Amino acid sequence: MEKRISEIVASLHEVGEGETVSFGEILAVLGRRAHGAAMLVFALPCWLPMPPGIPTACGAAILLISLQLLAGRETLWLPRRLRDRRLPRAALARIAERIGPTVSRAERFFRPRLPGIAEGPVGQAITGVLGAVLGLTMILPIPFVGNIPPAIAASFLAIGLIERDGVALLVALALAFLAAALVALLWWGVVNGLN
C-alpha cells in the first residue's frame, strides 16, 4: 500500500544516517512514487528559509521533473549532482513539525476528481508546463519572501499529481499566478528602490 502524503512528509527526516540527508536517499525510499512524490520532496524544503543553493537545486529538480512529465517519461531521472545535494536533517524535522499537521488535516479533502484536468495527455501537459514555470521561478533569486510562494504552489501541484485531484491542480494554478504577481511586485519595488 502506497504511503499517504502526510506519511511522506513525516518520514523525510528519518531517512539515512548522519546530520544531513541527500535527495537521492529520499527518492530511493519513495521508490516508484515517481513524479508527484518527487516534486513534493523538492517543494517542501522551500516552505522554510534554506541555506543558499538549496532553493536553486530544488527549483532545478522541479523543472527537470516537469520536463519529464511533458515528455511522457514514466521513470524519473535526476542528475547525480542533484541527487547528491544534502539537506540538514534538523530542517526536515522542522518541516514535518510545522507542515505535517496541516497536511494531515487537509488530506481528507484530496481525492481523485476532475479527470479531464488531473489525468490524460491534456492534464499531463498542463501540469508539466505549470511545474516547469514554477521550477524556473524557484531558481531565480527572489527578494524578501525567497522561494516560498512558488514552492507552496508546487506542493499543491505535486499533491494533485499524487492524488489525481484536479481541484488541487486548479489551486496550484491560482497560487502560481499569485506567486508570479508577488515576485513581479517585489522585483519592481527593488528596481525602483535602486533608482
N, C-alpha and C. Protein backbone atom coordinates (compact mmCIF):
# COMPACT_ATOMS: atom_id res chain seq x y z
N MET A 1 0.84 -1.20 0.00
CA MET A 1 0.00 0.00 0.00
C MET A 1 0.87 1.26 0.00
N GLU A 2 0.53 2.23 -0.88
CA GLU A 2 1.33 3.44 -1.00
C GLU A 2 1.15 4.34 0.20
N LYS A 3 2.22 5.06 0.54
CA LYS A 3 2.16 5.99 1.66
C LYS A 3 1.25 7.16 1.32
N ARG A 4 0.58 7.68 2.35
CA ARG A 4 -0.19 8.90 2.19
C ARG A 4 0.77 10.10 2.22
N ILE A 5 0.26 11.25 1.77
CA ILE A 5 1.10 12.44 1.70
C ILE A 5 1.65 12.80 3.07
N SER A 6 0.80 12.73 4.11
CA SER A 6 1.24 13.08 5.46
C SER A 6 2.35 12.14 5.94
N GLU A 7 2.30 10.88 5.54
CA GLU A 7 3.33 9.92 5.92
C GLU A 7 4.65 10.23 5.22
N ILE A 8 4.57 10.69 3.96
CA ILE A 8 5.78 11.08 3.24
C ILE A 8 6.45 12.25 3.96
N VAL A 9 5.63 13.27 4.32
CA VAL A 9 6.16 14.46 4.99
C VAL A 9 6.78 14.08 6.33
N ALA A 10 6.08 13.24 7.10
CA ALA A 10 6.54 12.88 8.44
C ALA A 10 7.83 12.07 8.43
N SER A 11 8.07 11.32 7.35
CA SER A 11 9.22 10.41 7.35
C SER A 11 10.46 10.98 6.67
N LEU A 12 10.38 12.19 6.11
CA LEU A 12 11.52 12.73 5.36
C LEU A 12 12.79 12.80 6.20
N HIS A 13 12.67 13.24 7.47
CA HIS A 13 13.87 13.44 8.29
C HIS A 13 14.39 12.13 8.89
N GLU A 14 13.69 11.02 8.68
CA GLU A 14 14.10 9.74 9.24
C GLU A 14 14.95 8.92 8.26
N VAL A 15 15.13 9.43 7.06
CA VAL A 15 15.85 8.69 6.03
C VAL A 15 17.36 8.77 6.27
N GLY A 16 18.07 7.67 6.02
CA GLY A 16 19.52 7.67 6.09
C GLY A 16 20.08 7.87 7.49
N GLU A 17 21.36 8.25 7.54
CA GLU A 17 22.04 8.45 8.82
C GLU A 17 22.84 9.75 8.76
N GLY A 18 23.23 10.25 9.92
CA GLY A 18 24.03 11.46 9.98
C GLY A 18 23.17 12.71 10.12
N GLU A 19 23.84 13.86 10.07
CA GLU A 19 23.16 15.13 10.30
C GLU A 19 22.52 15.70 9.04
N THR A 20 22.83 15.13 7.89
CA THR A 20 22.23 15.59 6.64
C THR A 20 21.64 14.40 5.88
N VAL A 21 20.72 14.71 4.96
CA VAL A 21 20.05 13.69 4.15
C VAL A 21 20.13 14.13 2.69
N SER A 22 20.51 13.23 1.81
CA SER A 22 20.58 13.59 0.39
C SER A 22 19.22 13.37 -0.28
N PHE A 23 18.99 14.13 -1.34
CA PHE A 23 17.76 13.94 -2.09
C PHE A 23 17.70 12.53 -2.67
N GLY A 24 18.85 12.00 -3.04
CA GLY A 24 18.89 10.64 -3.58
C GLY A 24 18.41 9.61 -2.58
N GLU A 25 18.80 9.78 -1.30
CA GLU A 25 18.35 8.85 -0.26
C GLU A 25 16.83 8.92 -0.09
N ILE A 26 16.30 10.14 -0.15
CA ILE A 26 14.84 10.31 0.00
C ILE A 26 14.12 9.67 -1.18
N LEU A 27 14.59 9.92 -2.40
CA LEU A 27 13.94 9.38 -3.59
C LEU A 27 14.00 7.86 -3.62
N ALA A 28 15.10 7.29 -3.10
CA ALA A 28 15.22 5.82 -3.06
C ALA A 28 14.15 5.21 -2.17
N VAL A 29 13.82 5.89 -1.07
CA VAL A 29 12.78 5.40 -0.17
C VAL A 29 11.40 5.49 -0.82
N LEU A 30 11.19 6.55 -1.60
CA LEU A 30 9.90 6.73 -2.26
C LEU A 30 9.65 5.67 -3.33
N GLY A 31 10.73 5.10 -3.85
CA GLY A 31 10.58 4.05 -4.85
C GLY A 31 9.94 4.58 -6.12
N ARG A 32 8.84 3.96 -6.56
CA ARG A 32 8.22 4.30 -7.82
C ARG A 32 7.05 5.27 -7.65
N ARG A 33 7.07 6.06 -6.58
CA ARG A 33 6.04 7.09 -6.43
C ARG A 33 6.17 8.14 -7.52
N ALA A 34 7.34 8.18 -8.14
CA ALA A 34 7.61 8.96 -9.33
C ALA A 34 7.37 10.44 -9.18
N HIS A 35 6.82 11.03 -10.23
CA HIS A 35 6.87 12.48 -10.41
C HIS A 35 6.23 13.29 -9.30
N GLY A 36 5.02 12.94 -8.89
CA GLY A 36 4.32 13.73 -7.88
C GLY A 36 5.02 13.73 -6.54
N ALA A 37 5.40 12.54 -6.05
CA ALA A 37 6.07 12.45 -4.75
C ALA A 37 7.43 13.13 -4.79
N ALA A 38 8.16 12.96 -5.90
CA ALA A 38 9.47 13.61 -6.02
C ALA A 38 9.32 15.13 -6.04
N MET A 39 8.32 15.62 -6.77
CA MET A 39 8.10 17.07 -6.81
C MET A 39 7.77 17.60 -5.41
N LEU A 40 6.99 16.85 -4.64
CA LEU A 40 6.65 17.26 -3.28
C LEU A 40 7.91 17.32 -2.41
N VAL A 41 8.77 16.33 -2.56
CA VAL A 41 10.02 16.27 -1.79
C VAL A 41 10.88 17.51 -2.06
N PHE A 42 10.91 17.97 -3.30
CA PHE A 42 11.74 19.14 -3.64
C PHE A 42 11.04 20.46 -3.34
N ALA A 43 9.72 20.46 -3.25
CA ALA A 43 8.99 21.70 -2.96
C ALA A 43 8.95 22.01 -1.46
N LEU A 44 8.76 20.99 -0.64
CA LEU A 44 8.55 21.21 0.80
C LEU A 44 9.70 21.93 1.51
N PRO A 45 10.98 21.60 1.22
CA PRO A 45 12.05 22.31 1.95
C PRO A 45 12.01 23.82 1.76
N CYS A 46 11.48 24.28 0.65
CA CYS A 46 11.47 25.72 0.36
C CYS A 46 10.30 26.45 1.01
N TRP A 47 9.50 25.74 1.81
CA TRP A 47 8.48 26.41 2.62
C TRP A 47 9.14 27.18 3.76
N LEU A 48 10.38 26.81 4.09
CA LEU A 48 11.14 27.46 5.16
C LEU A 48 12.41 28.06 4.57
N PRO A 49 12.98 29.08 5.21
CA PRO A 49 14.28 29.60 4.73
C PRO A 49 15.33 28.49 4.72
N MET A 50 16.05 28.38 3.62
CA MET A 50 17.05 27.33 3.46
C MET A 50 18.42 27.94 3.16
N PRO A 51 19.50 27.19 3.43
CA PRO A 51 20.84 27.69 3.09
C PRO A 51 20.94 27.99 1.60
N PRO A 52 21.79 28.95 1.20
CA PRO A 52 21.95 29.28 -0.22
C PRO A 52 22.27 28.04 -1.05
N GLY A 53 21.68 27.98 -2.20
CA GLY A 53 21.91 26.84 -3.10
C GLY A 53 20.81 25.80 -3.05
N ILE A 54 20.19 25.61 -1.88
CA ILE A 54 19.14 24.60 -1.76
C ILE A 54 17.91 24.98 -2.59
N PRO A 55 17.38 26.23 -2.47
CA PRO A 55 16.22 26.59 -3.30
C PRO A 55 16.50 26.46 -4.80
N THR A 56 17.72 26.82 -5.22
CA THR A 56 18.09 26.70 -6.63
C THR A 56 18.07 25.24 -7.07
N ALA A 57 18.64 24.37 -6.23
CA ALA A 57 18.66 22.93 -6.55
C ALA A 57 17.24 22.37 -6.59
N CYS A 58 16.39 22.80 -5.66
CA CYS A 58 15.01 22.32 -5.62
C CYS A 58 14.25 22.78 -6.87
N GLY A 59 14.45 24.05 -7.24
CA GLY A 59 13.79 24.56 -8.44
C GLY A 59 14.25 23.83 -9.69
N ALA A 60 15.55 23.57 -9.79
CA ALA A 60 16.08 22.85 -10.95
C ALA A 60 15.50 21.44 -11.02
N ALA A 61 15.36 20.79 -9.86
CA ALA A 61 14.79 19.44 -9.83
C ALA A 61 13.33 19.45 -10.28
N ILE A 62 12.55 20.42 -9.78
CA ILE A 62 11.14 20.52 -10.17
C ILE A 62 11.03 20.79 -11.66
N LEU A 63 11.91 21.62 -12.20
CA LEU A 63 11.93 21.87 -13.64
C LEU A 63 12.19 20.58 -14.41
N LEU A 64 13.19 19.80 -13.97
CA LEU A 64 13.51 18.54 -14.66
C LEU A 64 12.37 17.53 -14.57
N ILE A 65 11.75 17.44 -13.40
CA ILE A 65 10.62 16.53 -13.23
C ILE A 65 9.49 16.92 -14.17
N SER A 66 9.22 18.22 -14.26
CA SER A 66 8.13 18.72 -15.10
C SER A 66 8.40 18.46 -16.58
N LEU A 67 9.65 18.65 -17.01
CA LEU A 67 10.01 18.39 -18.40
C LEU A 67 9.84 16.90 -18.73
N GLN A 68 10.12 16.04 -17.76
CA GLN A 68 9.92 14.61 -17.98
C GLN A 68 8.44 14.25 -18.03
N LEU A 69 7.62 14.99 -17.27
CA LEU A 69 6.17 14.83 -17.39
C LEU A 69 5.71 15.18 -18.80
N LEU A 70 6.21 16.32 -19.30
CA LEU A 70 5.84 16.76 -20.65
C LEU A 70 6.27 15.75 -21.71
N ALA A 71 7.41 15.13 -21.48
CA ALA A 71 7.93 14.15 -22.44
C ALA A 71 7.25 12.79 -22.31
N GLY A 72 6.42 12.62 -21.28
CA GLY A 72 5.73 11.35 -21.07
C GLY A 72 6.61 10.26 -20.52
N ARG A 73 7.71 10.64 -19.88
CA ARG A 73 8.65 9.66 -19.31
C ARG A 73 8.06 9.08 -18.03
N GLU A 74 7.98 7.76 -17.95
CA GLU A 74 7.36 7.10 -16.80
C GLU A 74 8.32 6.95 -15.63
N THR A 75 9.59 6.68 -15.91
CA THR A 75 10.58 6.55 -14.83
C THR A 75 11.30 7.88 -14.65
N LEU A 76 11.51 8.26 -13.41
CA LEU A 76 12.08 9.56 -13.10
C LEU A 76 13.60 9.50 -13.10
N TRP A 77 14.23 10.47 -13.75
CA TRP A 77 15.70 10.57 -13.78
C TRP A 77 16.11 11.94 -13.28
N LEU A 78 17.12 11.96 -12.40
CA LEU A 78 17.72 13.22 -11.95
C LEU A 78 19.23 13.07 -12.00
N PRO A 79 19.96 14.12 -12.37
CA PRO A 79 21.43 14.03 -12.42
C PRO A 79 22.03 13.81 -11.04
N ARG A 80 23.20 13.20 -11.01
CA ARG A 80 23.86 12.87 -9.75
C ARG A 80 24.06 14.10 -8.87
N ARG A 81 24.37 15.23 -9.50
CA ARG A 81 24.64 16.45 -8.72
C ARG A 81 23.42 16.85 -7.89
N LEU A 82 22.23 16.68 -8.44
CA LEU A 82 21.00 16.98 -7.68
C LEU A 82 20.72 15.90 -6.64
N ARG A 83 20.91 14.64 -7.04
CA ARG A 83 20.63 13.55 -6.10
C ARG A 83 21.57 13.60 -4.89
N ASP A 84 22.80 14.11 -5.11
CA ASP A 84 23.78 14.17 -4.02
C ASP A 84 23.64 15.40 -3.14
N ARG A 85 22.82 16.37 -3.56
CA ARG A 85 22.62 17.58 -2.74
C ARG A 85 22.00 17.19 -1.41
N ARG A 86 22.55 17.74 -0.31
CA ARG A 86 22.14 17.31 1.02
C ARG A 86 21.39 18.42 1.76
N LEU A 87 20.43 17.98 2.57
CA LEU A 87 19.63 18.89 3.41
C LEU A 87 19.92 18.61 4.88
N PRO A 88 19.91 19.64 5.72
CA PRO A 88 20.06 19.39 7.16
C PRO A 88 18.87 18.57 7.68
N ARG A 89 19.18 17.52 8.43
CA ARG A 89 18.11 16.68 8.98
C ARG A 89 17.20 17.49 9.91
N ALA A 90 17.80 18.44 10.64
CA ALA A 90 17.00 19.26 11.56
C ALA A 90 15.98 20.11 10.80
N ALA A 91 16.36 20.59 9.62
CA ALA A 91 15.42 21.38 8.81
C ALA A 91 14.26 20.52 8.33
N LEU A 92 14.54 19.29 7.94
CA LEU A 92 13.47 18.38 7.52
C LEU A 92 12.55 18.05 8.69
N ALA A 93 13.12 17.92 9.89
CA ALA A 93 12.29 17.68 11.07
C ALA A 93 11.38 18.88 11.35
N ARG A 94 11.89 20.10 11.14
CA ARG A 94 11.07 21.30 11.34
C ARG A 94 9.93 21.35 10.32
N ILE A 95 10.22 20.94 9.09
CA ILE A 95 9.18 20.90 8.07
C ILE A 95 8.07 19.94 8.48
N ALA A 96 8.46 18.74 8.94
CA ALA A 96 7.47 17.76 9.38
C ALA A 96 6.65 18.29 10.55
N GLU A 97 7.31 19.01 11.47
CA GLU A 97 6.62 19.53 12.65
C GLU A 97 5.64 20.65 12.30
N ARG A 98 6.06 21.54 11.41
CA ARG A 98 5.24 22.71 11.10
C ARG A 98 4.16 22.43 10.05
N ILE A 99 4.53 21.66 9.03
CA ILE A 99 3.63 21.46 7.90
C ILE A 99 2.83 20.17 8.03
N GLY A 100 3.42 19.16 8.69
CA GLY A 100 2.79 17.85 8.79
C GLY A 100 1.36 17.86 9.29
N PRO A 101 1.07 18.51 10.43
CA PRO A 101 -0.31 18.51 10.94
C PRO A 101 -1.31 19.14 9.97
N THR A 102 -0.90 20.21 9.28
CA THR A 102 -1.78 20.86 8.30
C THR A 102 -2.06 19.93 7.14
N VAL A 103 -1.01 19.25 6.65
CA VAL A 103 -1.18 18.30 5.54
C VAL A 103 -2.10 17.16 5.96
N SER A 104 -1.92 16.68 7.19
CA SER A 104 -2.75 15.58 7.69
C SER A 104 -4.23 15.96 7.75
N ARG A 105 -4.50 17.20 8.21
CA ARG A 105 -5.89 17.65 8.28
C ARG A 105 -6.48 17.87 6.89
N ALA A 106 -5.65 18.38 5.98
CA ALA A 106 -6.15 18.70 4.63
C ALA A 106 -6.31 17.45 3.77
N GLU A 107 -5.65 16.37 4.17
CA GLU A 107 -5.60 15.16 3.36
C GLU A 107 -6.99 14.61 3.03
N ARG A 108 -7.92 14.78 3.96
CA ARG A 108 -9.26 14.22 3.72
C ARG A 108 -9.99 14.92 2.58
N PHE A 109 -9.49 16.11 2.17
CA PHE A 109 -10.14 16.84 1.08
C PHE A 109 -9.58 16.45 -0.29
N PHE A 110 -8.43 15.74 -0.31
CA PHE A 110 -7.82 15.36 -1.58
C PHE A 110 -8.35 14.00 -2.02
N ARG A 111 -8.80 13.93 -3.26
CA ARG A 111 -9.29 12.66 -3.80
C ARG A 111 -9.32 12.76 -5.33
N PRO A 112 -9.34 11.64 -6.02
CA PRO A 112 -9.40 11.69 -7.48
C PRO A 112 -10.69 12.39 -7.96
N ARG A 113 -10.55 13.44 -8.74
CA ARG A 113 -11.71 14.15 -9.31
C ARG A 113 -11.23 15.04 -10.46
N LEU A 114 -12.20 15.47 -11.27
CA LEU A 114 -11.92 16.24 -12.48
C LEU A 114 -10.85 15.54 -13.33
N PRO A 115 -11.13 14.33 -13.78
CA PRO A 115 -10.11 13.57 -14.52
C PRO A 115 -9.61 14.26 -15.78
N GLY A 116 -10.44 15.11 -16.38
CA GLY A 116 -10.01 15.84 -17.58
C GLY A 116 -8.83 16.76 -17.31
N ILE A 117 -8.72 17.22 -16.05
CA ILE A 117 -7.62 18.09 -15.66
C ILE A 117 -6.48 17.28 -15.04
N ALA A 118 -6.84 16.29 -14.22
CA ALA A 118 -5.84 15.58 -13.43
C ALA A 118 -5.16 14.44 -14.18
N GLU A 119 -5.82 13.92 -15.24
CA GLU A 119 -5.28 12.75 -15.92
C GLU A 119 -5.29 12.96 -17.42
N GLY A 120 -4.68 12.05 -18.14
CA GLY A 120 -4.68 12.13 -19.59
C GLY A 120 -3.63 13.08 -20.12
N PRO A 121 -3.44 13.09 -21.44
CA PRO A 121 -2.38 13.89 -22.06
C PRO A 121 -2.55 15.40 -21.86
N VAL A 122 -3.80 15.87 -21.89
CA VAL A 122 -4.03 17.31 -21.71
C VAL A 122 -3.65 17.73 -20.30
N GLY A 123 -4.15 16.98 -19.30
CA GLY A 123 -3.82 17.28 -17.91
C GLY A 123 -2.33 17.18 -17.65
N GLN A 124 -1.69 16.17 -18.24
CA GLN A 124 -0.25 15.98 -18.05
C GLN A 124 0.52 17.15 -18.66
N ALA A 125 0.07 17.64 -19.81
CA ALA A 125 0.73 18.77 -20.46
C ALA A 125 0.60 20.03 -19.61
N ILE A 126 -0.62 20.29 -19.11
CA ILE A 126 -0.85 21.47 -18.28
C ILE A 126 0.01 21.41 -17.03
N THR A 127 0.01 20.24 -16.39
CA THR A 127 0.79 20.05 -15.18
C THR A 127 2.28 20.24 -15.44
N GLY A 128 2.76 19.68 -16.54
CA GLY A 128 4.17 19.79 -16.89
C GLY A 128 4.59 21.23 -17.13
N VAL A 129 3.77 21.98 -17.87
CA VAL A 129 4.09 23.38 -18.16
C VAL A 129 4.09 24.21 -16.88
N LEU A 130 3.05 24.01 -16.05
CA LEU A 130 2.96 24.77 -14.80
C LEU A 130 4.14 24.44 -13.88
N GLY A 131 4.48 23.17 -13.78
CA GLY A 131 5.61 22.76 -12.95
C GLY A 131 6.92 23.35 -13.45
N ALA A 132 7.10 23.39 -14.78
CA ALA A 132 8.32 23.96 -15.35
C ALA A 132 8.44 25.45 -15.03
N VAL A 133 7.31 26.17 -15.13
CA VAL A 133 7.31 27.60 -14.81
C VAL A 133 7.64 27.82 -13.34
N LEU A 134 7.05 27.01 -12.45
CA LEU A 134 7.33 27.14 -11.02
C LEU A 134 8.79 26.80 -10.71
N GLY A 135 9.30 25.75 -11.36
CA GLY A 135 10.70 25.37 -11.16
C GLY A 135 11.65 26.49 -11.57
N LEU A 136 11.38 27.10 -12.74
CA LEU A 136 12.20 28.22 -13.20
C LEU A 136 12.13 29.39 -12.23
N THR A 137 10.92 29.66 -11.71
CA THR A 137 10.75 30.76 -10.77
C THR A 137 11.55 30.52 -9.50
N MET A 138 11.57 29.26 -9.03
CA MET A 138 12.30 28.94 -7.80
C MET A 138 13.81 29.05 -7.98
N ILE A 139 14.29 28.92 -9.21
CA ILE A 139 15.72 29.05 -9.46
C ILE A 139 16.17 30.51 -9.31
N LEU A 140 15.26 31.43 -9.61
CA LEU A 140 15.60 32.85 -9.56
C LEU A 140 15.75 33.34 -8.12
N PRO A 141 16.62 34.32 -7.90
CA PRO A 141 16.69 34.93 -6.56
C PRO A 141 15.46 35.82 -6.34
N ILE A 142 14.72 35.56 -5.29
CA ILE A 142 13.50 36.32 -5.02
C ILE A 142 13.70 37.10 -3.72
N PRO A 143 13.58 38.43 -3.77
CA PRO A 143 13.82 39.23 -2.55
C PRO A 143 12.76 39.02 -1.49
N PHE A 144 13.15 39.18 -0.24
CA PHE A 144 12.28 39.19 0.94
C PHE A 144 11.64 37.84 1.25
N VAL A 145 10.74 37.35 0.40
CA VAL A 145 10.00 36.12 0.71
C VAL A 145 10.72 34.87 0.24
N GLY A 146 11.83 35.05 -0.50
CA GLY A 146 12.54 33.89 -1.01
C GLY A 146 11.69 33.09 -1.98
N ASN A 147 11.87 31.78 -1.98
CA ASN A 147 11.17 30.91 -2.93
C ASN A 147 9.91 30.29 -2.33
N ILE A 148 9.44 30.83 -1.22
CA ILE A 148 8.30 30.22 -0.52
C ILE A 148 7.02 30.22 -1.36
N PRO A 149 6.58 31.35 -1.98
CA PRO A 149 5.32 31.31 -2.74
C PRO A 149 5.29 30.29 -3.88
N PRO A 150 6.32 30.24 -4.76
CA PRO A 150 6.26 29.21 -5.80
C PRO A 150 6.39 27.79 -5.24
N ALA A 151 7.09 27.63 -4.11
CA ALA A 151 7.21 26.30 -3.50
C ALA A 151 5.86 25.81 -3.00
N ILE A 152 5.05 26.70 -2.43
CA ILE A 152 3.72 26.32 -1.97
C ILE A 152 2.85 25.90 -3.15
N ALA A 153 2.92 26.67 -4.25
CA ALA A 153 2.16 26.31 -5.45
C ALA A 153 2.62 24.96 -6.00
N ALA A 154 3.95 24.73 -6.00
CA ALA A 154 4.47 23.45 -6.49
C ALA A 154 4.04 22.28 -5.61
N SER A 155 3.87 22.54 -4.31
CA SER A 155 3.40 21.48 -3.39
C SER A 155 1.98 21.05 -3.75
N PHE A 156 1.10 22.02 -4.03
CA PHE A 156 -0.26 21.68 -4.42
C PHE A 156 -0.28 20.96 -5.77
N LEU A 157 0.62 21.37 -6.65
CA LEU A 157 0.74 20.68 -7.94
C LEU A 157 1.14 19.22 -7.72
N ALA A 158 2.09 19.01 -6.82
CA ALA A 158 2.53 17.64 -6.51
C ALA A 158 1.41 16.82 -5.90
N ILE A 159 0.65 17.44 -4.99
CA ILE A 159 -0.48 16.74 -4.36
C ILE A 159 -1.52 16.36 -5.42
N GLY A 160 -1.78 17.27 -6.35
CA GLY A 160 -2.71 16.96 -7.43
C GLY A 160 -2.26 15.78 -8.26
N LEU A 161 -0.94 15.69 -8.51
CA LEU A 161 -0.39 14.57 -9.25
C LEU A 161 -0.52 13.26 -8.47
N ILE A 162 -0.18 13.32 -7.18
CA ILE A 162 -0.20 12.11 -6.35
C ILE A 162 -1.63 11.58 -6.21
N GLU A 163 -2.57 12.48 -5.93
CA GLU A 163 -3.95 12.08 -5.65
C GLU A 163 -4.84 12.08 -6.89
N ARG A 164 -4.27 12.51 -8.06
CA ARG A 164 -5.06 12.66 -9.29
C ARG A 164 -6.26 13.57 -9.03
N ASP A 165 -5.98 14.67 -8.34
CA ASP A 165 -7.03 15.60 -7.90
C ASP A 165 -6.96 16.88 -8.74
N GLY A 166 -7.94 17.04 -9.64
CA GLY A 166 -7.99 18.22 -10.48
C GLY A 166 -8.20 19.50 -9.71
N VAL A 167 -8.92 19.43 -8.59
CA VAL A 167 -9.14 20.63 -7.77
C VAL A 167 -7.81 21.13 -7.19
N ALA A 168 -6.98 20.21 -6.70
CA ALA A 168 -5.66 20.60 -6.17
C ALA A 168 -4.81 21.23 -7.26
N LEU A 169 -4.94 20.73 -8.50
CA LEU A 169 -4.19 21.31 -9.61
C LEU A 169 -4.68 22.71 -9.93
N LEU A 170 -5.99 22.94 -9.83
CA LEU A 170 -6.53 24.28 -10.05
C LEU A 170 -6.08 25.24 -8.95
N VAL A 171 -6.02 24.74 -7.72
CA VAL A 171 -5.50 25.56 -6.61
C VAL A 171 -4.04 25.91 -6.88
N ALA A 172 -3.27 24.93 -7.37
CA ALA A 172 -1.86 25.18 -7.71
C ALA A 172 -1.74 26.25 -8.79
N LEU A 173 -2.64 26.20 -9.77
CA LEU A 173 -2.63 27.21 -10.84
C LEU A 173 -2.89 28.60 -10.28
N ALA A 174 -3.91 28.71 -9.40
CA ALA A 174 -4.23 30.00 -8.79
C ALA A 174 -3.06 30.51 -7.94
N LEU A 175 -2.45 29.62 -7.16
CA LEU A 175 -1.31 30.01 -6.32
C LEU A 175 -0.11 30.40 -7.18
N ALA A 176 0.05 29.75 -8.33
CA ALA A 176 1.16 30.09 -9.22
C ALA A 176 0.99 31.51 -9.76
N PHE A 177 -0.24 31.89 -10.12
CA PHE A 177 -0.50 33.25 -10.58
C PHE A 177 -0.22 34.26 -9.47
N LEU A 178 -0.65 33.93 -8.25
CA LEU A 178 -0.39 34.82 -7.11
C LEU A 178 1.11 34.95 -6.84
N ALA A 179 1.82 33.82 -6.91
CA ALA A 179 3.27 33.83 -6.68
C ALA A 179 3.97 34.68 -7.74
N ALA A 180 3.55 34.52 -9.01
CA ALA A 180 4.16 35.30 -10.09
C ALA A 180 3.91 36.79 -9.89
N ALA A 181 2.68 37.14 -9.49
CA ALA A 181 2.35 38.55 -9.26
C ALA A 181 3.17 39.11 -8.10
N LEU A 182 3.32 38.32 -7.03
CA LEU A 182 4.09 38.77 -5.87
C LEU A 182 5.55 38.96 -6.22
N VAL A 183 6.12 38.00 -6.95
CA VAL A 183 7.53 38.10 -7.35
C VAL A 183 7.75 39.32 -8.23
N ALA A 184 6.84 39.54 -9.19
CA ALA A 184 6.96 40.71 -10.07
C ALA A 184 6.88 42.01 -9.27
N LEU A 185 5.96 42.04 -8.30
CA LEU A 185 5.79 43.24 -7.47
C LEU A 185 7.04 43.50 -6.63
N LEU A 186 7.60 42.44 -6.05
CA LEU A 186 8.80 42.60 -5.23
C LEU A 186 9.99 43.09 -6.05
N TRP A 187 10.17 42.51 -7.23
CA TRP A 187 11.27 42.94 -8.10
C TRP A 187 11.06 44.36 -8.58
N TRP A 188 9.81 44.74 -8.86
CA TRP A 188 9.50 46.11 -9.25
C TRP A 188 9.89 47.06 -8.12
N GLY A 189 9.58 46.68 -6.88
CA GLY A 189 9.94 47.50 -5.74
C GLY A 189 11.43 47.63 -5.56
N VAL A 190 12.15 46.50 -5.77
CA VAL A 190 13.61 46.54 -5.62
C VAL A 190 14.25 47.42 -6.69
N VAL A 191 13.82 47.25 -7.95
CA VAL A 191 14.38 48.04 -9.06
C VAL A 191 14.10 49.53 -8.87
N ASN A 192 12.87 49.85 -8.47
CA ASN A 192 12.52 51.26 -8.28
C ASN A 192 13.21 51.84 -7.05
N GLY A 193 13.48 50.97 -6.05
CA GLY A 193 14.18 51.44 -4.87
C GLY A 193 15.63 51.77 -5.15
N LEU A 194 16.20 51.11 -6.17
CA LEU A 194 17.60 51.38 -6.53
C LEU A 194 17.75 52.63 -7.39
N ASN A 195 16.64 53.05 -8.02
CA ASN A 195 16.70 54.23 -8.90
C ASN A 195 16.53 55.53 -8.12
